[in-house]
C-alpha cells in the first residue's frame, strides 16, 4: 500500500509561486519585462524557501546541513511556515537591499507572493500552518485535504485560474455579465 503524503510536493509549491508572481506582477501592471521576471523568479524562490526547515524538500536538499539544523531547532511547519516570518524576511530584504538595487521592491513583492502561496497551499493539508503566530501557536487548516491526487488537482487549478486571469486581464477573453 502506498503511503499518502500529508504535505504538498515541491512541484506544486513552485507552480504556486510562479502563478502568484505572475498574478501580482500583472495586477500591478508591471510592464518592464526584467521587473516582471524579478517578481516571478523571487516568488518561485520564496515558495521553495519556506520549506528550508525540511531536509527532504526541494530547498532543503540544496543546503542539507542548514536544513537539518533548522528542522532540529524549529521543527517542520514551525516559524518558517508563518505569515509573521514571511513579513519579517520581506522587511529584512527591503532593509538590506533598498539602497543597493533598483529592483528591491520587486524582489520584496515576489518574496511575499511566493511565501504566501506556499502558506495557502500548506493550509489545504491536514496539518495546516500557524496563521496567527506569534499570538497563537494553533495550526489552522482550510480543508484538511489529503489524498494521492491533491497535488495534481491543486496544480491544475493554479494553472487554469492563472491562465483565465491573464486571458481576462489582457482582454483576450471577455465575459459579458449583463443580462
Foldseek 3Di string as FASTA:
>chain_A
DDDWDLAAALVLLLLQLQLLLQVVCLVVVVDDVVLSVLLNVLLSVLSQVLQLCPCVHPNNVVPVVSNPVSCVVANGQGPSLELVVLVVVLVVQCVVCVVPDPSSVSSSNSNSRSSVSNLLLSLQALQHHDHPPPVDRHHHHDHNDIDDCSSVVSSVVSVVVSVVVVCPSVVVDDDDPDD
